[in-house]
Amino acid sequence: MVSFGDARRANRIDWERPVQIIAPVLAAAKTLNVSAVGMLLLTAADVALNVGDEVALEVPHLDASDPLVVHGRVVRLERAPDFLRVAVDFS
């Protein structure tokens, strides 16, 4: 398993929200933390993502208006039997 260590370029804040991965696969996910330059997601173990993949994420607004779509690149993965953690870089 890959360790997420503490090599961060920006301060992270804990932020748990449901999100939807909409490219290159469709999958439900949940944010674990966010920063100005990235986001850490938790999703199902069988989601087919690889380091280097370009991803699009749909983040719902609290007020039920149109969701925000953000784009980034997968920079780290932590695979476990029950989950997949995905680090996405926005820069």
Protein backbone atom coordinates (compact mmCIF):
# COMPACT_ATOMS: atom_id res chain seq x y z
CA MET A 1 0.00 0.00 0.00
CA VAL A 2 1.11 3.52 -0.75
CA SER A 3 1.49 5.85 2.23
CA PHE A 4 0.05 9.34 2.03
CA GLY A 5 2.82 10.77 4.23
CA ASP A 6 2.93 14.48 4.92
CA ALA A 7 4.38 15.93 1.69
CA ARG A 8 1.73 18.61 1.33
CA ARG A 9 1.93 21.79 -0.73
CA ALA A 10 -1.06 23.42 1.01
CA ASN A 11 -2.90 23.18 4.30
CA ARG A 12 -5.68 20.61 4.33
CA ILE A 13 -9.03 20.86 6.05
CA ASP A 14 -11.24 17.92 6.96
CA TRP A 15 -14.33 18.08 4.77
CA GLU A 16 -16.63 15.11 4.29
CA ARG A 17 -19.09 15.52 1.42
CA PRO A 18 -20.53 13.14 -1.13
CA VAL A 19 -19.15 13.70 -4.62
CA GLN A 20 -19.51 11.91 -7.92
CA ILE A 21 -16.58 10.89 -10.12
CA ILE A 22 -17.90 11.57 -13.63
CA ALA A 23 -14.78 10.89 -15.73
CA PRO A 24 -12.99 8.72 -16.69
CA VAL A 25 -15.38 6.42 -14.77
CA LEU A 26 -18.70 6.92 -13.02
CA ALA A 27 -18.48 6.26 -9.28
CA ALA A 28 -19.80 7.59 -6.00
CA ALA A 29 -17.15 8.95 -3.66
CA LYS A 30 -16.76 11.01 -0.50
CA THR A 31 -14.25 13.74 0.19
CA LEU A 32 -12.03 13.23 3.22
CA ASN A 33 -10.13 16.51 3.05
CA VAL A 34 -9.51 19.39 0.68
CA SER A 35 -6.96 22.12 0.11
CA ALA A 36 -6.42 24.92 -2.37
CA VAL A 37 -4.61 22.49 -4.69
CA GLY A 38 -6.29 19.12 -4.20
CA MET A 39 -8.71 16.75 -2.62
CA LEU A 40 -8.54 13.32 -0.98
CA LEU A 41 -11.43 11.01 -1.89
CA LEU A 42 -12.72 7.72 -0.55
CA THR A 43 -14.47 5.42 -3.01
CA ALA A 44 -15.19 1.73 -3.61
CA ALA A 45 -12.24 -0.67 -3.88
CA ASP A 46 -13.21 -1.76 -7.41
CA VAL A 47 -13.18 1.71 -9.01
CA ALA A 48 -10.78 1.56 -11.97
CA LEU A 49 -8.51 4.59 -11.55
CA ASN A 50 -4.76 4.88 -12.03
CA VAL A 51 -2.11 7.43 -11.12
CA GLY A 52 -1.99 9.97 -13.92
CA ASP A 53 -5.67 9.68 -14.89
CA GLU A 54 -7.46 12.96 -15.62
CA VAL A 55 -10.63 13.04 -13.51
CA ALA A 56 -13.76 15.16 -13.37
CA LEU A 57 -15.66 15.41 -10.09
CA GLU A 58 -19.17 16.69 -9.52
CA VAL A 59 -19.51 18.44 -6.14
CA PRO A 60 -23.09 19.19 -5.07
CA HIS A 61 -23.94 22.59 -3.60
CA LEU A 62 -25.57 22.68 -0.17
CA ASP A 63 -28.44 24.79 -1.53
CA ALA A 64 -29.31 22.21 -4.25
CA SER A 65 -28.30 24.52 -7.10
CA ASP A 66 -26.27 23.19 -10.02
CA PRO A 67 -23.26 21.13 -8.89
CA LEU A 68 -19.71 22.37 -9.30
CA VAL A 69 -17.57 20.32 -11.71
CA VAL A 70 -13.84 20.30 -10.97
CA HIS A 71 -11.03 18.70 -12.95
CA GLY A 72 -7.75 17.28 -11.77
CA ARG A 73 -5.20 14.49 -12.05
CA VAL A 74 -4.84 11.41 -9.83
CA VAL A 75 -1.48 11.73 -8.07
CA ARG A 76 -1.70 8.96 -5.43
CA LEU A 77 -3.79 5.85 -4.77
CA GLU A 78 -4.14 3.76 -1.64
CA ARG A 79 -5.85 0.47 -2.41
CA ALA A 80 -7.29 -1.67 0.37
CA PRO A 81 -9.70 -4.62 0.29
CA ASP A 82 -12.66 -2.43 1.28
CA PHE A 83 -11.87 0.99 -0.17
CA LEU A 84 -9.76 3.11 -2.49
CA ARG A 85 -8.31 6.47 -1.43
CA VAL A 86 -7.65 8.81 -4.33
CA ALA A 87 -5.51 11.96 -4.09
CA VAL A 88 -6.45 14.45 -6.81
CA ASP A 89 -4.30 17.46 -7.73
CA PHE A 90 -6.08 20.49 -9.20
CA SER A 91 -3.03 22.46 -10.33
